[in-house]
Amino acid sequence: MLNWWYNVDMDKNFRVRVVCGFGLFFVALAAMYTFDAVPFKILFGVFAIIAGIELLSFFKKVAHFKNAILAIIEIAFLVYGSMFIAQVGVVEIWYIIFGVCGYDIFAYLCGKILGGKIIKKHRPFPKISKNKTWEGTILGLAISVGLVFILTTALGRADYIYLLCGPLALMGDLFESYLKRQFKVKDSNEIVIKNKFFEKLEVLVGGTEGHGGYLDRIDSTAFAATVLLILTAIFC
């Protein structure tokens, strides 16, 4: 097991991702159990603001009308996603964490372990996100839906709309990948991290060179929360 952890063939930022992910999880967990999750909501809002700054920095590299429209849409996800997180209760936030983070984590891990070993010929999104695999995508979605379903069942609630968190997380991730391709940016912090202030700030989310920053951390959550905001406004 330790050999797998230190295997040089693994993604060079794999350990950064794991340590950062668990660190943020425990911070979020602590914030969830204090003052009705208000610290968590504030933390998410701060992340969204920094993510917006990262996004606007893309224009230093490529700027034209189509990209401006895409950036406006992404900023809308950050704004409305933050609004949804701010208004819901602790249980609903747990649904989002289980659904979105469940997809992100298990799609990544299953893709690393099983990617290309079962379905070898094709990738699901070669033009948008070429590193995604069928195995990672399918298992990530299945586990995400399963986790949310188990949570709703354990709580005795019928909040089945949150079963969409996993699929919405995938869509949000794909939209951000498409956005970065249009701007010719590899990681969301690629430009701002060159500034000394942001270089220190990005370390908090493991945003070192070659590893994404704040936008890459919350793109899926912001998209999912925005769609959930619309759906709950219509049907609830």
Protein backbone atom coordinates (compact mmCIF):
# COMPACT_ATOMS: atom_id res chain seq x y z
CA MET A 1 0.00 0.00 0.00
CA LEU A 2 2.82 2.41 0.89
CA ASN A 3 4.58 1.52 -2.36
CA TRP A 4 1.45 2.63 -4.25
CA TRP A 5 1.46 5.93 -2.32
CA TYR A 6 5.07 6.65 -3.23
CA ASN A 7 4.97 5.22 -6.75
CA VAL A 8 6.72 7.73 -9.01
CA ASP A 9 4.46 6.71 -11.88
CA MET A 10 1.47 8.21 -10.12
CA ASP A 11 0.38 11.73 -10.99
CA LYS A 12 3.08 14.05 -9.63
CA ASN A 13 0.49 15.99 -7.63
CA PHE A 14 -1.43 12.98 -6.35
CA ARG A 15 -0.15 13.34 -2.79
CA VAL A 16 -0.86 17.09 -2.88
CA ARG A 17 -4.44 16.36 -3.95
CA VAL A 18 -4.97 13.80 -1.18
CA VAL A 19 -3.47 15.89 1.62
CA CYS A 20 -5.25 19.02 0.42
CA GLY A 21 -8.56 17.17 0.02
CA PHE A 22 -8.50 15.67 3.51
CA GLY A 23 -7.34 18.96 5.00
CA LEU A 24 -10.20 20.89 3.43
CA PHE A 25 -12.65 18.15 4.42
CA PHE A 26 -11.75 18.42 8.11
CA VAL A 27 -11.89 22.22 7.97
CA ALA A 28 -15.35 21.98 6.37
CA LEU A 29 -16.40 19.37 8.93
CA ALA A 30 -15.42 21.65 11.80
CA ALA A 31 -17.22 24.58 10.18
CA MET A 32 -20.36 22.48 9.67
CA TYR A 33 -20.75 21.86 13.38
CA THR A 34 -20.38 25.47 14.49
CA PHE A 35 -23.04 28.18 14.40
CA ASP A 36 -25.40 26.32 12.03
CA ALA A 37 -22.69 25.95 9.34
CA VAL A 38 -22.25 29.73 8.98
CA PRO A 39 -18.41 29.45 8.96
CA PHE A 40 -18.66 26.89 6.14
CA LYS A 41 -20.90 29.20 4.15
CA ILE A 42 -18.51 32.11 4.66
CA LEU A 43 -15.56 29.88 3.67
CA PHE A 44 -17.33 28.86 0.47
CA GLY A 45 -18.09 32.51 -0.33
CA VAL A 46 -14.42 33.44 0.13
CA PHE A 47 -13.38 30.56 -2.12
CA ALA A 48 -15.86 31.77 -4.74
CA ILE A 49 -14.44 35.32 -4.67
CA ILE A 50 -10.86 34.08 -5.11
CA ALA A 51 -12.03 31.69 -7.84
CA GLY A 52 -13.60 34.67 -9.62
CA ILE A 53 -10.27 36.53 -9.45
CA GLU A 54 -8.53 33.50 -10.94
CA LEU A 55 -11.11 33.42 -13.71
CA LEU A 56 -10.71 37.10 -14.57
CA SER A 57 -6.94 36.63 -14.73
CA PHE A 58 -7.48 34.35 -17.76
CA PHE A 59 -8.08 37.45 -19.86
CA LYS A 60 -4.38 38.30 -19.53
CA LYS A 61 -3.74 35.33 -21.78
CA VAL A 62 -6.64 35.28 -24.24
CA ALA A 63 -9.45 37.83 -24.54
CA HIS A 64 -12.32 37.87 -27.02
CA PHE A 65 -16.12 38.03 -27.00
CA LYS A 66 -16.87 34.29 -26.78
CA ASN A 67 -14.56 33.89 -23.81
CA ALA A 68 -16.17 36.87 -22.10
CA ILE A 69 -19.58 35.17 -22.38
CA LEU A 70 -18.19 31.92 -20.98
CA ALA A 71 -16.55 33.81 -18.11
CA ILE A 72 -19.82 35.60 -17.29
CA ILE A 73 -21.62 32.25 -17.16
CA GLU A 74 -18.97 30.80 -14.84
CA ILE A 75 -19.15 33.85 -12.58
CA ALA A 76 -22.95 33.39 -12.46
CA PHE A 77 -22.38 29.82 -11.26
CA LEU A 78 -20.06 31.11 -8.52
CA VAL A 79 -22.53 33.81 -7.44
CA TYR A 80 -25.75 31.76 -7.52
CA GLY A 81 -24.00 28.68 -6.17
CA SER A 82 -22.84 30.74 -3.18
CA MET A 83 -26.38 32.07 -2.72
CA PHE A 84 -27.76 28.55 -2.60
CA ILE A 85 -25.11 27.37 -0.11
CA ALA A 86 -25.84 30.44 2.04
CA GLN A 87 -29.58 29.74 2.31
CA VAL A 88 -29.76 25.97 2.83
CA GLY A 89 -29.41 24.03 6.06
CA VAL A 90 -26.70 21.71 7.32
CA VAL A 91 -28.38 18.56 5.95
CA GLU A 92 -28.61 19.97 2.43
CA ILE A 93 -24.94 20.94 2.55
CA TRP A 94 -24.09 17.37 3.53
CA TYR A 95 -26.03 16.14 0.49
CA ILE A 96 -23.93 18.40 -1.71
CA ILE A 97 -20.67 17.31 -0.07
CA PHE A 98 -21.54 13.62 -0.37
CA GLY A 99 -22.75 14.02 -3.96
CA VAL A 100 -20.22 16.42 -5.44
CA CYS A 101 -17.14 15.43 -3.45
CA GLY A 102 -18.13 11.78 -3.71
CA TYR A 103 -18.09 12.06 -7.49
CA ASP A 104 -14.86 14.09 -7.62
CA ILE A 105 -12.95 11.77 -5.29
CA PHE A 106 -14.09 8.41 -6.61
CA ALA A 107 -14.01 9.41 -10.28
CA TYR A 108 -10.39 10.47 -9.76
CA LEU A 109 -9.39 7.38 -7.76
CA CYS A 110 -11.24 4.87 -9.94
CA GLY A 111 -9.85 6.54 -13.03
CA LYS A 112 -6.30 6.24 -11.66
CA ILE A 113 -6.72 2.61 -10.61
CA LEU A 114 -8.98 1.20 -13.35
CA GLY A 115 -8.82 3.78 -16.15
CA GLY A 116 -8.44 2.14 -19.55
CA LYS A 117 -8.32 -1.40 -18.13
CA ILE A 118 -11.96 -2.28 -18.82
CA ILE A 119 -12.95 0.07 -21.65
CA LYS A 120 -9.69 0.52 -23.54
CA LYS A 121 -10.48 2.07 -26.90
CA HIS A 122 -12.20 5.36 -26.16
CA ARG A 123 -12.35 8.19 -23.64
CA PRO A 124 -15.75 9.73 -22.81
CA PHE A 125 -14.79 13.39 -23.38
CA PRO A 126 -11.61 13.45 -25.50
CA LYS A 127 -12.07 16.99 -26.83
CA ILE A 128 -12.90 18.60 -23.47
CA SER A 129 -11.19 16.55 -20.76
CA LYS A 130 -8.95 13.91 -22.31
CA ASN A 131 -7.78 12.48 -18.96
CA LYS A 132 -11.26 11.37 -17.89
CA THR A 133 -11.91 7.66 -18.31
CA TRP A 134 -15.12 5.67 -18.70
CA GLU A 135 -14.31 3.64 -15.59
CA GLY A 136 -13.71 6.70 -13.43
CA THR A 137 -16.74 8.57 -14.76
CA ILE A 138 -19.21 5.69 -14.43
CA LEU A 139 -18.02 4.50 -11.02
CA GLY A 140 -17.72 8.07 -9.72
CA LEU A 141 -21.34 8.78 -10.69
CA ALA A 142 -22.61 5.48 -9.30
CA ILE A 143 -20.85 5.91 -5.94
CA SER A 144 -21.95 9.55 -5.71
CA VAL A 145 -25.62 8.69 -6.24
CA GLY A 146 -25.29 5.76 -3.84
CA LEU A 147 -23.80 7.93 -1.09
CA VAL A 148 -26.56 10.54 -1.34
CA PHE A 149 -29.24 7.83 -1.42
CA ILE A 150 -27.79 6.18 1.70
CA LEU A 151 -27.73 9.54 3.47
CA THR A 152 -31.34 10.42 2.56
CA THR A 153 -32.46 6.93 3.66
CA ALA A 154 -30.55 7.15 6.95
CA LEU A 155 -32.15 10.53 7.68
CA GLY A 156 -35.60 9.31 6.64
CA ARG A 157 -36.02 12.18 4.17
CA ALA A 158 -37.18 12.21 0.56
CA ASP A 159 -34.72 14.80 -0.75
CA TYR A 160 -34.14 12.83 -3.93
CA ILE A 161 -33.40 15.93 -5.98
CA TYR A 162 -29.92 15.82 -4.44
CA LEU A 163 -29.25 12.53 -6.23
CA LEU A 164 -28.43 14.84 -9.15
CA CYS A 165 -25.36 16.21 -7.36
CA GLY A 166 -22.98 13.71 -8.96
CA PRO A 167 -24.14 14.20 -12.56
CA LEU A 168 -24.23 17.98 -12.03
CA ALA A 169 -20.69 17.87 -10.62
CA LEU A 170 -19.55 16.15 -13.80
CA MET A 171 -21.26 18.78 -15.95
CA GLY A 172 -19.71 21.61 -13.92
CA ASP A 173 -16.27 20.06 -14.21
CA LEU A 174 -16.66 19.64 -17.97
CA PHE A 175 -17.83 23.23 -18.39
CA GLU A 176 -14.78 24.52 -16.53
CA SER A 177 -12.49 22.25 -18.57
CA TYR A 178 -14.05 23.65 -21.77
CA LEU A 179 -13.66 27.19 -20.41
CA LYS A 180 -9.96 26.66 -19.68
CA ARG A 181 -9.41 25.17 -23.12
CA GLN A 182 -10.94 28.26 -24.71
CA PHE A 183 -8.61 30.47 -22.67
CA LYS A 184 -5.66 28.10 -23.28
CA VAL A 185 -5.14 27.73 -19.53
CA LYS A 186 -4.13 24.43 -17.91
CA ASP A 187 -4.83 25.22 -14.24
CA SER A 188 -7.14 27.88 -12.85
CA ASN A 189 -4.31 29.49 -10.87
CA GLU A 190 -1.82 29.41 -13.71
CA ILE A 191 -1.65 33.20 -14.01
CA VAL A 192 -2.38 34.61 -10.54
CA ILE A 193 0.05 32.26 -8.79
CA LYS A 194 2.89 34.26 -10.36
CA ASN A 195 1.94 37.06 -7.97
CA LYS A 196 3.67 36.71 -4.57
CA PHE A 197 0.46 37.33 -2.60
CA PHE A 198 -1.56 34.78 -4.56
CA GLU A 199 1.30 32.31 -4.53
CA LYS A 200 0.97 32.14 -0.74
CA LEU A 201 -2.81 32.12 -0.89
CA GLU A 202 -2.93 29.27 -3.42
CA VAL A 203 -0.85 27.02 -1.16
CA LEU A 204 -3.90 26.75 1.13
CA VAL A 205 -5.70 24.66 -1.50
CA GLY A 206 -2.63 22.80 -2.70
CA GLY A 207 -2.49 25.16 -5.66
CA THR A 208 1.17 24.74 -6.49
CA GLU A 209 2.51 24.81 -10.05
CA GLY A 210 0.84 22.10 -12.09
CA HIS A 211 -2.13 21.81 -9.74
CA GLY A 212 -5.34 23.80 -9.94
CA GLY A 213 -6.42 26.54 -7.56
CA TYR A 214 -9.69 27.69 -6.01
CA LEU A 215 -11.80 27.55 -9.18
CA ASP A 216 -10.72 23.95 -9.75
CA ARG A 217 -11.76 23.15 -6.17
CA ILE A 218 -15.31 24.54 -6.31
CA ASP A 219 -16.33 24.53 -9.99
CA SER A 220 -18.41 21.36 -9.62
CA THR A 221 -20.04 22.53 -6.38
CA ALA A 222 -20.88 25.97 -7.79
CA PHE A 223 -22.50 24.48 -10.90
CA ALA A 224 -24.45 21.86 -8.95
CA ALA A 225 -25.64 24.41 -6.38
CA THR A 226 -26.77 26.81 -9.12
CA VAL A 227 -28.87 24.15 -10.85
CA LEU A 228 -30.28 23.01 -7.50
CA LEU A 229 -31.21 26.62 -6.74
CA ILE A 230 -33.18 26.79 -10.00
CA LEU A 231 -34.83 23.39 -9.54
CA THR A 232 -35.87 24.05 -5.94
CA ALA A 233 -37.26 27.45 -6.94
CA ILE A 234 -39.39 25.77 -9.62
CA PHE A 235 -40.51 22.57 -7.90
CA CYS A 236 -40.33 23.27 -4.17
